[in-house]
Amino acid sequence: MTYIIAEPCIDIQDRSCVDVCPVDCIHEFGRILVIDPIECIDCGACEPECPVEAIFPEDALPEKWTPFVKINYAYPDKTEEINPLVDAYATEHDVKNEPID
């Protein structure tokens, strides 16, 4: 199993989770960070560091954010799909996350 980064990260991309990841499996894209499901060692170090609570163990991901499984699993083989998937989701759900201070 892996961790999933979900909707609260869109347009926020706080890198606190990247700084604590011991295997560097969190990668930045246009509007979101994603976790490489192959590299993730399920250590959980990233989850408490996220200031917007966007990181979940895959089996604890709220059902409303199921589309983010596909987005995170697009890494590394289908990275060209990540930005369009995030943009489509954000448009469909009218995502307007405010920047954090």
PDB file of N, CA and C in Angstrom:
ATOM      1  N   MET A   1       0.836  -1.174   0.000  1.00  0.00           N
ATOM      2  CA  MET A   1       0.000   0.000   0.000  1.00  0.00           C
ATOM      3  C   MET A   1       0.883   1.240   0.000  1.00  0.00           C
ATOM      4  N   THR A   2       0.286   2.361  -0.355  1.00  0.00           N
ATOM      5  CA  THR A   2       1.009   3.618  -0.427  1.00  0.00           C
ATOM      6  C   THR A   2       0.172   4.729   0.198  1.00  0.00           C
ATOM      7  N   TYR A   3       0.734   5.892   0.247  1.00  0.00           N
ATOM      8  CA  TYR A   3       0.013   7.075   0.675  1.00  0.00           C
ATOM      9  C   TYR A   3      -0.450   7.823  -0.570  1.00  0.00           C
ATOM     10  N   ILE A   4      -1.536   8.569  -0.437  1.00  0.00           N
ATOM     11  CA  ILE A   4      -2.135   9.308  -1.541  1.00  0.00           C
ATOM     12  C   ILE A   4      -2.237  10.774  -1.137  1.00  0.00           C
ATOM     13  N   ILE A   5      -1.877  11.652  -2.058  1.00  0.00           N
ATOM     14  CA  ILE A   5      -2.067  13.086  -1.844  1.00  0.00           C
ATOM     15  C   ILE A   5      -3.343  13.469  -2.577  1.00  0.00           C
ATOM     16  N   ALA A   6      -4.249  14.173  -1.875  1.00  0.00           N
ATOM     17  CA  ALA A   6      -5.580  14.451  -2.399  1.00  0.00           C
ATOM     18  C   ALA A   6      -5.843  15.950  -2.596  1.00  0.00           C
ATOM     19  N   GLU A   7      -7.105  16.260  -2.810  1.00  0.00           N
ATOM     20  CA  GLU A   7      -7.568  17.599  -3.189  1.00  0.00           C
ATOM     21  C   GLU A   7      -7.002  18.765  -2.389  1.00  0.00           C
ATOM     22  N   PRO A   8      -6.870  18.679  -1.067  1.00  0.00           N
ATOM     23  CA  PRO A   8      -6.385  19.854  -0.329  1.00  0.00           C
ATOM     24  C   PRO A   8      -5.004  20.356  -0.775  1.00  0.00           C
ATOM     25  N   CYS A   9      -4.254  19.540  -1.486  1.00  0.00           N
ATOM     26  CA  CYS A   9      -2.919  19.946  -1.955  1.00  0.00           C
ATOM     27  C   CYS A   9      -2.985  20.787  -3.233  1.00  0.00           C
ATOM     28  N   ILE A  10      -4.082  20.708  -3.972  1.00  0.00           N
ATOM     29  CA  ILE A  10      -4.168  21.438  -5.242  1.00  0.00           C
ATOM     30  C   ILE A  10      -3.918  22.922  -5.003  1.00  0.00           C
ATOM     31  N   ASP A  11      -2.980  23.460  -5.744  1.00  0.00           N
ATOM     32  CA  ASP A  11      -2.563  24.868  -5.711  1.00  0.00           C
ATOM     33  C   ASP A  11      -1.887  25.287  -4.413  1.00  0.00           C
ATOM     34  N   ILE A  12      -1.691  24.373  -3.466  1.00  0.00           N
ATOM     35  CA  ILE A  12      -1.002  24.682  -2.216  1.00  0.00           C
ATOM     36  C   ILE A  12       0.449  24.233  -2.321  1.00  0.00           C
ATOM     37  N   GLN A  13       0.645  22.952  -2.562  1.00  0.00           N
ATOM     38  CA  GLN A  13       1.958  22.355  -2.747  1.00  0.00           C
ATOM     39  C   GLN A  13       2.981  22.740  -1.681  1.00  0.00           C
ATOM     40  N   ASP A  14       2.566  22.751  -0.450  1.00  0.00           N
ATOM     41  CA  ASP A  14       3.525  22.947   0.639  1.00  0.00           C
ATOM     42  C   ASP A  14       4.496  21.771   0.605  1.00  0.00           C
ATOM     43  N   ARG A  15       5.761  22.034   0.684  1.00  0.00           N
ATOM     44  CA  ARG A  15       6.771  20.992   0.502  1.00  0.00           C
ATOM     45  C   ARG A  15       7.259  20.389   1.823  1.00  0.00           C
ATOM     46  N   SER A  16       6.556  20.604   2.898  1.00  0.00           N
ATOM     47  CA  SER A  16       6.955  20.032   4.181  1.00  0.00           C
ATOM     48  C   SER A  16       7.066  18.524   4.111  1.00  0.00           C
ATOM     49  N   CYS A  17       6.160  17.903   3.369  1.00  0.00           N
ATOM     50  CA  CYS A  17       6.175  16.442   3.238  1.00  0.00           C
ATOM     51  C   CYS A  17       7.405  15.970   2.467  1.00  0.00           C
ATOM     52  N   VAL A  18       7.806  16.731   1.487  1.00  0.00           N
ATOM     53  CA  VAL A  18       8.985  16.382   0.689  1.00  0.00           C
ATOM     54  C   VAL A  18      10.226  16.381   1.576  1.00  0.00           C
ATOM     55  N   ASP A  19      10.308  17.368   2.439  1.00  0.00           N
ATOM     56  CA  ASP A  19      11.479  17.517   3.309  1.00  0.00           C
ATOM     57  C   ASP A  19      11.675  16.349   4.265  1.00  0.00           C
ATOM     58  N   VAL A  20      10.587  15.673   4.669  1.00  0.00           N
ATOM     59  CA  VAL A  20      10.716  14.586   5.641  1.00  0.00           C
ATOM     60  C   VAL A  20      10.703  13.194   5.008  1.00  0.00           C
ATOM     61  N   CYS A  21      10.436  13.103   3.736  1.00  0.00           N
ATOM     62  CA  CYS A  21      10.359  11.791   3.080  1.00  0.00           C
ATOM     63  C   CYS A  21      11.750  11.165   2.991  1.00  0.00           C
ATOM     64  N   PRO A  22      11.937  10.004   3.615  1.00  0.00           N
ATOM     65  CA  PRO A  22      13.269   9.393   3.619  1.00  0.00           C
ATOM     66  C   PRO A  22      13.677   8.761   2.290  1.00  0.00           C
ATOM     67  N   VAL A  23      12.733   8.569   1.380  1.00  0.00           N
ATOM     68  CA  VAL A  23      13.069   7.933   0.098  1.00  0.00           C
ATOM     69  C   VAL A  23      12.797   8.836  -1.103  1.00  0.00           C
ATOM     70  N   ASP A  24      12.509  10.092  -0.862  1.00  0.00           N
ATOM     71  CA  ASP A  24      12.271  11.059  -1.942  1.00  0.00           C
ATOM     72  C   ASP A  24      11.240  10.567  -2.956  1.00  0.00           C
ATOM     73  N   CYS A  25      10.093  10.115  -2.468  1.00  0.00           N
ATOM     74  CA  CYS A  25       9.070   9.592  -3.377  1.00  0.00           C
ATOM     75  C   CYS A  25       7.950  10.584  -3.660  1.00  0.00           C
ATOM     76  N   ILE A  26       8.080  11.817  -3.195  1.00  0.00           N
ATOM     77  CA  ILE A  26       7.052  12.831  -3.431  1.00  0.00           C
ATOM     78  C   ILE A  26       7.567  13.780  -4.508  1.00  0.00           C
ATOM     79  N   HIS A  27       6.732  13.952  -5.549  1.00  0.00           N
ATOM     80  CA  HIS A  27       7.159  14.718  -6.720  1.00  0.00           C
ATOM     81  C   HIS A  27       6.168  15.832  -7.030  1.00  0.00           C
ATOM     82  N   GLU A  28       6.697  16.937  -7.529  1.00  0.00           N
ATOM     83  CA  GLU A  28       5.896  18.126  -7.792  1.00  0.00           C
ATOM     84  C   GLU A  28       5.462  18.187  -9.252  1.00  0.00           C
ATOM     85  N   PHE A  29       4.188  18.518  -9.444  1.00  0.00           N
ATOM     86  CA  PHE A  29       3.642  18.742 -10.778  1.00  0.00           C
ATOM     87  C   PHE A  29       2.990  20.115 -10.798  1.00  0.00           C
ATOM     88  N   GLY A  30       2.335  20.466 -11.871  1.00  0.00           N
ATOM     89  CA  GLY A  30       1.800  21.811 -12.055  1.00  0.00           C
ATOM     90  C   GLY A  30       1.043  22.380 -10.865  1.00  0.00           C
ATOM     91  N   ARG A  31       0.060  21.617 -10.361  1.00  0.00           N
ATOM     92  CA  ARG A  31      -0.796  22.135  -9.299  1.00  0.00           C
ATOM     93  C   ARG A  31      -0.830  21.255  -8.058  1.00  0.00           C
ATOM     94  N   ILE A  32      -0.075  20.161  -8.050  1.00  0.00           N
ATOM     95  CA  ILE A  32      -0.180  19.201  -6.956  1.00  0.00           C
ATOM     96  C   ILE A  32       1.130  18.444  -6.775  1.00  0.00           C
ATOM     97  N   LEU A  33       1.313  17.897  -5.602  1.00  0.00           N
ATOM     98  CA  LEU A  33       2.392  16.946  -5.347  1.00  0.00           C
ATOM     99  C   LEU A  33       1.791  15.551  -5.436  1.00  0.00           C
ATOM    100  N   VAL A  34       2.564  14.581  -5.887  1.00  0.00           N
ATOM    101  CA  VAL A  34       2.097  13.197  -5.929  1.00  0.00           C
ATOM    102  C   VAL A  34       3.143  12.293  -5.298  1.00  0.00           C
ATOM    103  N   ILE A  35       2.670  11.152  -4.810  1.00  0.00           N
ATOM    104  CA  ILE A  35       3.554  10.168  -4.198  1.00  0.00           C
ATOM    105  C   ILE A  35       3.736   9.012  -5.163  1.00  0.00           C
ATOM    106  N   ASP A  36       4.981   8.664  -5.430  1.00  0.00           N
ATOM    107  CA  ASP A  36       5.292   7.513  -6.282  1.00  0.00           C
ATOM    108  C   ASP A  36       4.904   6.252  -5.515  1.00  0.00           C
ATOM    109  N   PRO A  37       3.897   5.509  -5.996  1.00  0.00           N
ATOM    110  CA  PRO A  37       3.442   4.337  -5.255  1.00  0.00           C
ATOM    111  C   PRO A  37       4.451   3.193  -5.227  1.00  0.00           C
ATOM    112  N   ILE A  38       5.397   3.212  -6.130  1.00  0.00           N
ATOM    113  CA  ILE A  38       6.415   2.162  -6.165  1.00  0.00           C
ATOM    114  C   ILE A  38       7.512   2.455  -5.141  1.00  0.00           C
ATOM    115  N   GLU A  39       7.919   3.707  -5.041  1.00  0.00           N
ATOM    116  CA  GLU A  39       8.998   4.091  -4.130  1.00  0.00           C
ATOM    117  C   GLU A  39       8.541   4.253  -2.677  1.00  0.00           C
ATOM    118  N   CYS A  40       7.268   4.572  -2.470  1.00  0.00           N
ATOM    119  CA  CYS A  40       6.761   4.821  -1.120  1.00  0.00           C
ATOM    120  C   CYS A  40       6.967   3.585  -0.244  1.00  0.00           C
ATOM    121  N   ILE A  41       7.535   3.805   0.936  1.00  0.00           N
ATOM    122  CA  ILE A  41       7.782   2.685   1.855  1.00  0.00           C
ATOM    123  C   ILE A  41       6.757   2.655   2.994  1.00  0.00           C
ATOM    124  N   ASP A  42       5.691   3.418   2.855  1.00  0.00           N
ATOM    125  CA  ASP A  42       4.601   3.433   3.834  1.00  0.00           C
ATOM    126  C   ASP A  42       5.064   3.785   5.241  1.00  0.00           C
ATOM    127  N   CYS A  43       6.043   4.667   5.347  1.00  0.00           N
ATOM    128  CA  CYS A  43       6.559   5.026   6.671  1.00  0.00           C
ATOM    129  C   CYS A  43       5.641   5.999   7.401  1.00  0.00           C
ATOM    130  N   GLY A  44       4.846   6.770   6.650  1.00  0.00           N
ATOM    131  CA  GLY A  44       3.926   7.718   7.264  1.00  0.00           C
ATOM    132  C   GLY A  44       4.548   9.024   7.711  1.00  0.00           C
ATOM    133  N   ALA A  45       5.809   9.246   7.429  1.00  0.00           N
ATOM    134  CA  ALA A  45       6.475  10.477   7.870  1.00  0.00           C
ATOM    135  C   ALA A  45       5.840  11.725   7.263  1.00  0.00           C
ATOM    136  N   CYS A  46       5.321  11.609   6.067  1.00  0.00           N
ATOM    137  CA  CYS A  46       4.761  12.760   5.360  1.00  0.00           C
ATOM    138  C   CYS A  46       3.414  13.217   5.903  1.00  0.00           C
ATOM    139  N   GLU A  47       2.601  12.274   6.339  1.00  0.00           N
ATOM    140  CA  GLU A  47       1.217  12.575   6.715  1.00  0.00           C
ATOM    141  C   GLU A  47       1.092  13.672   7.772  1.00  0.00           C
ATOM    142  N   PRO A  48       1.775  13.591   8.912  1.00  0.00           N
ATOM    143  CA  PRO A  48       1.598  14.641   9.927  1.00  0.00           C
ATOM    144  C   PRO A  48       2.241  15.977   9.545  1.00  0.00           C
ATOM    145  N   GLU A  49       3.098  15.984   8.544  1.00  0.00           N
ATOM    146  CA  GLU A  49       3.772  17.219   8.131  1.00  0.00           C
ATOM    147  C   GLU A  49       2.926  18.087   7.219  1.00  0.00           C
ATOM    148  N   CYS A  50       1.886  17.530   6.626  1.00  0.00           N
ATOM    149  CA  CYS A  50       1.062  18.268   5.676  1.00  0.00           C
ATOM    150  C   CYS A  50       0.168  19.267   6.419  1.00  0.00           C
ATOM    151  N   PRO A  51       0.347  20.570   6.171  1.00  0.00           N
ATOM    152  CA  PRO A  51      -0.439  21.567   6.903  1.00  0.00           C
ATOM    153  C   PRO A  51      -1.903  21.641   6.478  1.00  0.00           C
ATOM    154  N   VAL A  52      -2.249  21.028   5.338  1.00  0.00           N
ATOM    155  CA  VAL A  52      -3.639  21.064   4.868  1.00  0.00           C
ATOM    156  C   VAL A  52      -4.307  19.691   4.924  1.00  0.00           C
ATOM    157  N   GLU A  53      -3.646  18.726   5.545  1.00  0.00           N
ATOM    158  CA  GLU A  53      -4.176  17.377   5.728  1.00  0.00           C
ATOM    159  C   GLU A  53      -4.626  16.756   4.406  1.00  0.00           C
ATOM    160  N   ALA A  54      -3.706  16.753   3.443  1.00  0.00           N
ATOM    161  CA  ALA A  54      -3.994  16.223   2.111  1.00  0.00           C
ATOM    162  C   ALA A  54      -3.464  14.815   1.901  1.00  0.00           C
ATOM    163  N   ILE A  55      -2.737  14.255   2.865  1.00  0.00           N
ATOM    164  CA  ILE A  55      -2.072  12.962   2.689  1.00  0.00           C
ATOM    165  C   ILE A  55      -2.764  11.898   3.528  1.00  0.00           C
ATOM    166  N   PHE A  56      -3.084  10.773   2.862  1.00  0.00           N
ATOM    167  CA  PHE A  56      -3.811   9.681   3.514  1.00  0.00           C
ATOM    168  C   PHE A  56      -3.213   8.340   3.131  1.00  0.00           C
ATOM    169  N   PRO A  57      -3.235   7.373   4.046  1.00  0.00           N
ATOM    170  CA  PRO A  57      -2.946   6.004   3.616  1.00  0.00           C
ATOM    171  C   PRO A  57      -4.026   5.638   2.581  1.00  0.00           C
ATOM    172  N   GLU A  58      -3.653   4.915   1.555  1.00  0.00           N
ATOM    173  CA  GLU A  58      -4.608   4.619   0.488  1.00  0.00           C
ATOM    174  C   GLU A  58      -5.905   4.005   1.020  1.00  0.00           C
ATOM    175  N   ASP A  59      -5.805   3.129   2.000  1.00  0.00           N
ATOM    176  CA  ASP A  59      -7.013   2.481   2.514  1.00  0.00           C
ATOM    177  C   ASP A  59      -7.829   3.375   3.448  1.00  0.00           C
ATOM    178  N   ALA A  60      -7.358   4.573   3.731  1.00  0.00           N
ATOM    179  CA  ALA A  60      -8.093   5.516   4.572  1.00  0.00           C
ATOM    180  C   ALA A  60      -8.492   6.779   3.809  1.00  0.00           C
ATOM    181  N   LEU A  61      -8.269   6.788   2.511  1.00  0.00           N
ATOM    182  CA  LEU A  61      -8.609   7.944   1.685  1.00  0.00           C
ATOM    183  C   LEU A  61     -10.126   8.129   1.674  1.00  0.00           C
ATOM    184  N   PRO A  62     -10.608   9.335   1.989  1.00  0.00           N
ATOM    185  CA  PRO A  62     -12.052   9.554   1.922  1.00  0.00           C
ATOM    186  C   PRO A  62     -12.579   9.246   0.512  1.00  0.00           C
ATOM    187  N   GLU A  63     -13.729   8.618   0.464  1.00  0.00           N
ATOM    188  CA  GLU A  63     -14.297   8.170  -0.814  1.00  0.00           C
ATOM    189  C   GLU A  63     -14.442   9.308  -1.824  1.00  0.00           C
ATOM    190  N   LYS A  64     -14.742  10.500  -1.340  1.00  0.00           N
ATOM    191  CA  LYS A  64     -14.925  11.635  -2.255  1.00  0.00           C
ATOM    192  C   LYS A  64     -13.648  11.974  -3.023  1.00  0.00           C
ATOM    193  N   TRP A  65     -12.498  11.502  -2.536  1.00  0.00           N
ATOM    194  CA  TRP A  65     -11.231  11.794  -3.200  1.00  0.00           C
ATOM    195  C   TRP A  65     -10.632  10.580  -3.902  1.00  0.00           C
ATOM    196  N   THR A  66     -11.452   9.608  -4.212  1.00  0.00           N
ATOM    197  CA  THR A  66     -10.997   8.413  -4.934  1.00  0.00           C
ATOM    198  C   THR A  66     -10.269   8.747  -6.238  1.00  0.00           C
ATOM    199  N   PRO A  67     -10.651   9.795  -6.993  1.00  0.00           N
ATOM    200  CA  PRO A  67      -9.925  10.114  -8.227  1.00  0.00           C
ATOM    201  C   PRO A  67      -8.425  10.352  -8.026  1.00  0.00           C
ATOM    202  N   PHE A  68      -8.021  10.661  -6.798  1.00  0.00           N
ATOM    203  CA  PHE A  68      -6.613  10.936  -6.553  1.00  0.00           C
ATOM    204  C   PHE A  68      -5.759   9.671  -6.509  1.00  0.00           C
ATOM    205  N   VAL A  69      -6.389   8.524  -6.397  1.00  0.00           N
ATOM    206  CA  VAL A  69      -5.640   7.268  -6.523  1.00  0.00           C
ATOM    207  C   VAL A  69      -5.082   7.189  -7.941  1.00  0.00           C
ATOM    208  N   LYS A  70      -5.914   7.436  -8.932  1.00  0.00           N
ATOM    209  CA  LYS A  70      -5.472   7.401 -10.333  1.00  0.00           C
ATOM    210  C   LYS A  70      -4.402   8.460 -10.590  1.00  0.00           C
ATOM    211  N   ILE A  71      -4.576   9.631 -10.012  1.00  0.00           N
ATOM    212  CA  ILE A  71      -3.601  10.713 -10.206  1.00  0.00           C
ATOM    213  C   ILE A  71      -2.249  10.322  -9.625  1.00  0.00           C
ATOM    214  N   ASN A  72      -2.209   9.818  -8.392  1.00  0.00           N
ATOM    215  CA  ASN A  72      -0.944   9.428  -7.781  1.00  0.00           C
ATOM    216  C   ASN A  72      -0.331   8.220  -8.474  1.00  0.00           C
ATOM    217  N   TYR A  73      -1.165   7.272  -8.888  1.00  0.00           N
ATOM    218  CA  TYR A  73      -0.654   6.075  -9.554  1.00  0.00           C
ATOM    219  C   TYR A  73      -0.207   6.333 -10.995  1.00  0.00           C
ATOM    220  N   ALA A  74      -0.471   7.515 -11.518  1.00  0.00           N
ATOM    221  CA  ALA A  74       0.037   7.864 -12.849  1.00  0.00           C
ATOM    222  C   ALA A  74       1.558   8.045 -12.821  1.00  0.00           C
ATOM    223  N   TYR A  75       2.109   8.226 -11.626  1.00  0.00           N
ATOM    224  CA  TYR A  75       3.553   8.337 -11.480  1.00  0.00           C
ATOM    225  C   TYR A  75       4.114   6.939 -11.279  1.00  0.00           C
ATOM    226  N   PRO A  76       5.163   6.553 -11.939  1.00  0.00           N
ATOM    227  CA  PRO A  76       6.026   7.278 -12.849  1.00  0.00           C
ATOM    228  C   PRO A  76       5.748   7.020 -14.331  1.00  0.00           C
ATOM    229  N   ASP A  77       4.908   6.069 -14.677  1.00  0.00           N
ATOM    230  CA  ASP A  77       4.772   5.654 -16.075  1.00  0.00           C
ATOM    231  C   ASP A  77       3.895   6.545 -16.946  1.00  0.00           C
ATOM    232  N   LYS A  78       2.993   7.295 -16.337  1.00  0.00           N
ATOM    233  CA  LYS A  78       2.073   8.124 -17.119  1.00  0.00           C
ATOM    234  C   LYS A  78       2.052   9.559 -16.596  1.00  0.00           C
ATOM    235  N   THR A  79       3.226  10.119 -16.351  1.00  0.00           N
ATOM    236  CA  THR A  79       3.296  11.457 -15.755  1.00  0.00           C
ATOM    237  C   THR A  79       2.625  12.522 -16.615  1.00  0.00           C
ATOM    238  N   GLU A  80       2.557  12.301 -17.917  1.00  0.00           N
ATOM    239  CA  GLU A  80       1.914  13.293 -18.797  1.00  0.00           C
ATOM    240  C   GLU A  80       0.414  13.398 -18.519  1.00  0.00           C
ATOM    241  N   GLU A  81      -0.152  12.444 -17.803  1.00  0.00           N
ATOM    242  CA  GLU A  81      -1.579  12.466 -17.479  1.00  0.00           C
ATOM    243  C   GLU A  81      -1.885  13.221 -16.192  1.00  0.00           C
ATOM    244  N   ILE A  82      -0.890  13.442 -15.361  1.00  0.00           N
ATOM    245  CA  ILE A  82      -1.141  14.016 -14.037  1.00  0.00           C
ATOM    246  C   ILE A  82      -1.738  15.418 -14.115  1.00  0.00           C
ATOM    247  N   ASN A  83      -1.090  16.345 -14.810  1.00  0.00           N
ATOM    248  CA  ASN A  83      -1.604  17.713 -14.870  1.00  0.00           C
ATOM    249  C   ASN A  83      -3.000  17.785 -15.482  1.00  0.00           C
ATOM    250  N   PRO A  84      -3.278  17.108 -16.607  1.00  0.00           N
ATOM    251  CA  PRO A  84      -4.646  17.148 -17.147  1.00  0.00           C
ATOM    252  C   PRO A  84      -5.690  16.549 -16.198  1.00  0.00           C
ATOM    253  N   LEU A  85      -5.339  15.469 -15.492  1.00  0.00           N
ATOM    254  CA  LEU A  85      -6.280  14.872 -14.543  1.00  0.00           C
ATOM    255  C   LEU A  85      -6.585  15.835 -13.393  1.00  0.00           C
ATOM    256  N   VAL A  86      -5.557  16.489 -12.881  1.00  0.00           N
ATOM    257  CA  VAL A  86      -5.748  17.447 -11.786  1.00  0.00           C
ATOM    258  C   VAL A  86      -6.567  18.644 -12.265  1.00  0.00           C
ATOM    259  N   ASP A  87      -6.240  19.163 -13.443  1.00  0.00           N
ATOM    260  CA  ASP A  87      -6.986  20.301 -13.978  1.00  0.00           C
ATOM    261  C   ASP A  87      -8.461  19.951 -14.174  1.00  0.00           C
ATOM    262  N   ALA A  88      -8.734  18.771 -14.715  1.00  0.00           N
ATOM    263  CA  ALA A  88     -10.119  18.344 -14.941  1.00  0.00           C
ATOM    264  C   ALA A  88     -10.862  18.202 -13.617  1.00  0.00           C
ATOM    265  N   TYR A  89     -10.212  17.592 -12.631  1.00  0.00           N
ATOM    266  CA  TYR A  89     -10.828  17.429 -11.314  1.00  0.00           C
ATOM    267  C   TYR A  89     -11.113  18.803 -10.699  1.00  0.00           C
ATOM    268  N   ALA A  90     -10.133  19.698 -10.723  1.00  0.00           N
ATOM    269  CA  ALA A  90     -10.279  21.015 -10.107  1.00  0.00           C
ATOM    270  C   ALA A  90     -11.392  21.817 -10.772  1.00  0.00           C
ATOM    271  N   THR A  91     -11.512  21.701 -12.084  1.00  0.00           N
ATOM    272  CA  THR A  91     -12.580  22.402 -12.798  1.00  0.00           C
ATOM    273  C   THR A  91     -13.937  21.811 -12.439  1.00  0.00           C
ATOM    274  N   GLU A  92     -14.037  20.496 -12.485  1.00  0.00           N
ATOM    275  CA  GLU A  92     -15.308  19.822 -12.203  1.00  0.00           C
ATOM    276  C   GLU A  92     -15.793  20.085 -10.780  1.00  0.00           C
ATOM    277  N   HIS A  93     -14.877  20.160  -9.829  1.00  0.00           N
ATOM    278  CA  HIS A  93     -15.236  20.342  -8.425  1.00  0.00           C
ATOM    279  C   HIS A  93     -15.049  21.774  -7.925  1.00  0.00           C
ATOM    280  N   ASP A  94     -14.754  22.684  -8.840  1.00  0.00           N
ATOM    281  CA  ASP A  94     -14.587  24.104  -8.514  1.00  0.00           C
ATOM    282  C   ASP A  94     -13.631  24.301  -7.332  1.00  0.00           C
ATOM    283  N   VAL A  95     -12.467  23.684  -7.420  1.00  0.00           N
ATOM    284  CA  VAL A  95     -11.466  23.758  -6.350  1.00  0.00           C
ATOM    285  C   VAL A  95     -10.810  25.136  -6.349  1.00  0.00           C
ATOM    286  N   LYS A  96     -10.870  25.780  -5.199  1.00  0.00           N
ATOM    287  CA  LYS A  96     -10.243  27.098  -5.014  1.00  0.00           C
ATOM    288  C   LYS A  96      -9.568  27.126  -3.658  1.00  0.00           C
ATOM    289  N   ASN A  97      -8.490  26.365  -3.535  1.00  0.00           N
ATOM    290  CA  ASN A  97      -7.761  26.322  -2.263  1.00  0.00           C
ATOM    291  C   ASN A  97      -6.983  27.622  -2.083  1.00  0.00           C
ATOM    292  N   GLU A  98      -7.143  28.203  -0.933  1.00  0.00           N
ATOM    293  CA  GLU A  98      -6.436  29.442  -0.610  1.00  0.00           C
ATOM    294  C   GLU A  98      -5.008  29.141  -0.212  1.00  0.00           C
ATOM    295  N   PRO A  99      -4.062  29.951  -0.666  1.00  0.00           N
ATOM    296  CA  PRO A  99      -2.664  29.745  -0.240  1.00  0.00           C
ATOM    297  C   PRO A  99      -2.547  29.831   1.268  1.00  0.00           C
ATOM    298  N   ILE A 100      -1.611  29.047   1.808  1.00  0.00           N
ATOM    299  CA  ILE A 100      -1.371  29.113   3.249  1.00  0.00           C
ATOM    300  C   ILE A 100      -0.240  30.080   3.523  1.00  0.00           C
ATOM    301  N   ASP A 101      -0.276  30.669   4.691  1.00  0.00           N
ATOM    302  CA  ASP A 101       0.784  31.650   5.043  1.00  0.00           C
ATOM    303  C   ASP A 101       2.005  30.958   5.559  1.00  0.00           C
TER     304      ASP A 101
END
